[in-house]
Amino acid sequence: MINWRRCGPLRERGAERIADTDLAGLLASKHSAMVAAGAEMVGEFQRDVLEEKLVETGRRFLKDGAKTDKGCVAKLAIVNALCRLDHRD
């Protein structure tokens, strides 16, 4: 589970008030904790439109994963979000 304080006011807005562009911005972060937070919200809020972005982000974190994602926080959140979206790839 991600510490939502890292996302501050964004998480507090609620699902209906968080723009897809905000979530995509989290997924584009170089910080694995921010990516993980974004991925969790994408899955929780069922943002199917960001499914391909999740896949791309997952591929990015698979490259040199031990260095880019210590503890696999981002990778696990991405996989969980893809499962919640019923991704079949």
C-alpha atoms as a PDB file:
ATOM      1  CA  MET A   1       0.000   0.000   0.000  1.00  0.00           C
ATOM      2  CA  ILE A   2       1.276   3.430  -0.911  1.00  0.00           C
ATOM      3  CA  ASN A   3       1.562   6.295   1.546  1.00  0.00           C
ATOM      4  CA  TRP A   4      -0.864   8.751  -0.042  1.00  0.00           C
ATOM      5  CA  ARG A   5       0.794  11.731   1.656  1.00  0.00           C
ATOM      6  CA  ARG A   6       3.321  11.603  -1.168  1.00  0.00           C
ATOM      7  CA  CYS A   7       0.560  12.570  -3.573  1.00  0.00           C
ATOM      8  CA  GLY A   8      -0.750  15.274  -1.279  1.00  0.00           C
ATOM      9  CA  PRO A   9      -3.686  17.263  -2.557  1.00  0.00           C
ATOM     10  CA  LEU A  10      -4.081  15.177  -5.713  1.00  0.00           C
ATOM     11  CA  ARG A  11      -5.386  12.135  -3.845  1.00  0.00           C
ATOM     12  CA  GLU A  12      -7.655  14.264  -1.685  1.00  0.00           C
ATOM     13  CA  ARG A  13      -9.591  15.503  -4.732  1.00  0.00           C
ATOM     14  CA  GLY A  14     -11.331  12.157  -5.150  1.00  0.00           C
ATOM     15  CA  ALA A  15     -11.664   9.929  -8.193  1.00  0.00           C
ATOM     16  CA  GLU A  16     -14.070  12.117 -10.124  1.00  0.00           C
ATOM     17  CA  ARG A  17     -11.876  15.196  -9.804  1.00  0.00           C
ATOM     18  CA  ILE A  18      -8.517  13.728 -10.768  1.00  0.00           C
ATOM     19  CA  ALA A  19      -7.703  14.268 -14.428  1.00  0.00           C
ATOM     20  CA  ASP A  20      -6.230  11.486 -16.524  1.00  0.00           C
ATOM     21  CA  THR A  21      -3.370  13.866 -17.337  1.00  0.00           C
ATOM     22  CA  ASP A  22      -2.520  14.119 -13.622  1.00  0.00           C
ATOM     23  CA  LEU A  23      -2.385  10.343 -13.327  1.00  0.00           C
ATOM     24  CA  ALA A  24      -0.338  10.076 -16.527  1.00  0.00           C
ATOM     25  CA  GLY A  25       2.071  12.596 -15.022  1.00  0.00           C
ATOM     26  CA  LEU A  26       2.558  10.370 -11.981  1.00  0.00           C
ATOM     27  CA  LEU A  27       3.183   7.370 -14.236  1.00  0.00           C
ATOM     28  CA  ALA A  28       5.825   9.373 -16.106  1.00  0.00           C
ATOM     29  CA  SER A  29       7.729  10.205 -12.914  1.00  0.00           C
ATOM     30  CA  LYS A  30      11.279   8.955 -12.446  1.00  0.00           C
ATOM     31  CA  HIS A  31      10.457   8.202  -8.801  1.00  0.00           C
ATOM     32  CA  SER A  32       9.114   4.696  -8.278  1.00  0.00           C
ATOM     33  CA  ALA A  33       6.970   5.717  -5.291  1.00  0.00           C
ATOM     34  CA  MET A  34       5.176   8.337  -7.381  1.00  0.00           C
ATOM     35  CA  VAL A  35       4.668   5.872 -10.223  1.00  0.00           C
ATOM     36  CA  ALA A  36       3.300   3.349  -7.734  1.00  0.00           C
ATOM     37  CA  ALA A  37       0.857   5.916  -6.352  1.00  0.00           C
ATOM     38  CA  GLY A  38      -0.319   6.787  -9.847  1.00  0.00           C
ATOM     39  CA  ALA A  39      -0.693   3.139 -10.808  1.00  0.00           C
ATOM     40  CA  GLU A  40      -2.731   2.413  -7.688  1.00  0.00           C
ATOM     41  CA  MET A  41      -5.094   5.257  -8.467  1.00  0.00           C
ATOM     42  CA  VAL A  42      -5.449   4.194 -12.104  1.00  0.00           C
ATOM     43  CA  GLY A  43      -6.504   0.718 -10.970  1.00  0.00           C
ATOM     44  CA  GLU A  44      -8.680   1.892  -8.103  1.00  0.00           C
ATOM     45  CA  PHE A  45     -10.492   4.476 -10.230  1.00  0.00           C
ATOM     46  CA  GLN A  46     -10.779   2.093 -13.220  1.00  0.00           C
ATOM     47  CA  ARG A  47      -9.132   4.477 -15.692  1.00  0.00           C
ATOM     48  CA  ASP A  48      -9.062   2.146 -18.708  1.00  0.00           C
ATOM     49  CA  VAL A  49      -7.875   5.003 -20.909  1.00  0.00           C
ATOM     50  CA  LEU A  50      -4.485   4.801 -19.139  1.00  0.00           C
ATOM     51  CA  GLU A  51      -4.034   1.051 -19.602  1.00  0.00           C
ATOM     52  CA  GLU A  52      -1.483   1.416 -22.406  1.00  0.00           C
ATOM     53  CA  LYS A  53       0.406   4.028 -20.367  1.00  0.00           C
ATOM     54  CA  LEU A  54       0.601   1.488 -17.508  1.00  0.00           C
ATOM     55  CA  VAL A  55       2.045  -1.103 -19.870  1.00  0.00           C
ATOM     56  CA  GLU A  56       4.627   1.367 -21.206  1.00  0.00           C
ATOM     57  CA  THR A  57       5.565   2.409 -17.677  1.00  0.00           C
ATOM     58  CA  GLY A  58       5.915  -1.215 -16.639  1.00  0.00           C
ATOM     59  CA  ARG A  59       8.305  -1.842 -19.508  1.00  0.00           C
ATOM     60  CA  ARG A  60      10.332   1.209 -18.485  1.00  0.00           C
ATOM     61  CA  PHE A  61      10.715  -0.114 -14.942  1.00  0.00           C
ATOM     62  CA  LEU A  62      11.650  -3.600 -16.139  1.00  0.00           C
ATOM     63  CA  LYS A  63      14.793  -2.175 -17.716  1.00  0.00           C
ATOM     64  CA  ASP A  64      17.426  -2.281 -14.985  1.00  0.00           C
ATOM     65  CA  GLY A  65      14.608  -2.834 -12.499  1.00  0.00           C
ATOM     66  CA  ALA A  66      16.766  -3.445  -9.434  1.00  0.00           C
ATOM     67  CA  LYS A  67      18.248   0.020  -9.863  1.00  0.00           C
ATOM     68  CA  THR A  68      15.170   1.970 -10.990  1.00  0.00           C
ATOM     69  CA  ASP A  69      12.618   0.357  -8.670  1.00  0.00           C
ATOM     70  CA  LYS A  70      14.190  -0.853  -5.436  1.00  0.00           C
ATOM     71  CA  GLY A  71      11.708  -3.075  -3.652  1.00  0.00           C
ATOM     72  CA  CYS A  72       9.605  -3.353  -6.814  1.00  0.00           C
ATOM     73  CA  VAL A  73       7.058  -0.859  -5.493  1.00  0.00           C
ATOM     74  CA  ALA A  74       6.213   0.547  -8.924  1.00  0.00           C
ATOM     75  CA  LYS A  75       6.238  -2.804 -10.725  1.00  0.00           C
ATOM     76  CA  LEU A  76       3.901  -4.394  -8.176  1.00  0.00           C
ATOM     77  CA  ALA A  77       1.497  -1.449  -8.274  1.00  0.00           C
ATOM     78  CA  ILE A  78       1.493  -1.515 -12.086  1.00  0.00           C
ATOM     79  CA  VAL A  79       0.752  -5.251 -12.199  1.00  0.00           C
ATOM     80  CA  ASN A  80      -2.018  -4.863  -9.611  1.00  0.00           C
ATOM     81  CA  ALA A  81      -3.543  -1.968 -11.564  1.00  0.00           C
ATOM     82  CA  LEU A  82      -3.444  -3.944 -14.808  1.00  0.00           C
ATOM     83  CA  CYS A  83      -5.171  -6.838 -13.057  1.00  0.00           C
ATOM     84  CA  ARG A  84      -7.879  -4.499 -11.752  1.00  0.00           C
ATOM     85  CA  LEU A  85      -8.377  -3.284 -15.329  1.00  0.00           C
ATOM     86  CA  ASP A  86      -8.605  -6.901 -16.545  1.00  0.00           C
ATOM     87  CA  HIS A  87      -5.615  -6.397 -18.852  1.00  0.00           C
ATOM     88  CA  ARG A  88      -4.963  -9.515 -20.941  1.00  0.00           C
ATOM     89  CA  ASP A  89      -1.510  -9.095 -22.472  1.00  0.00           C
END
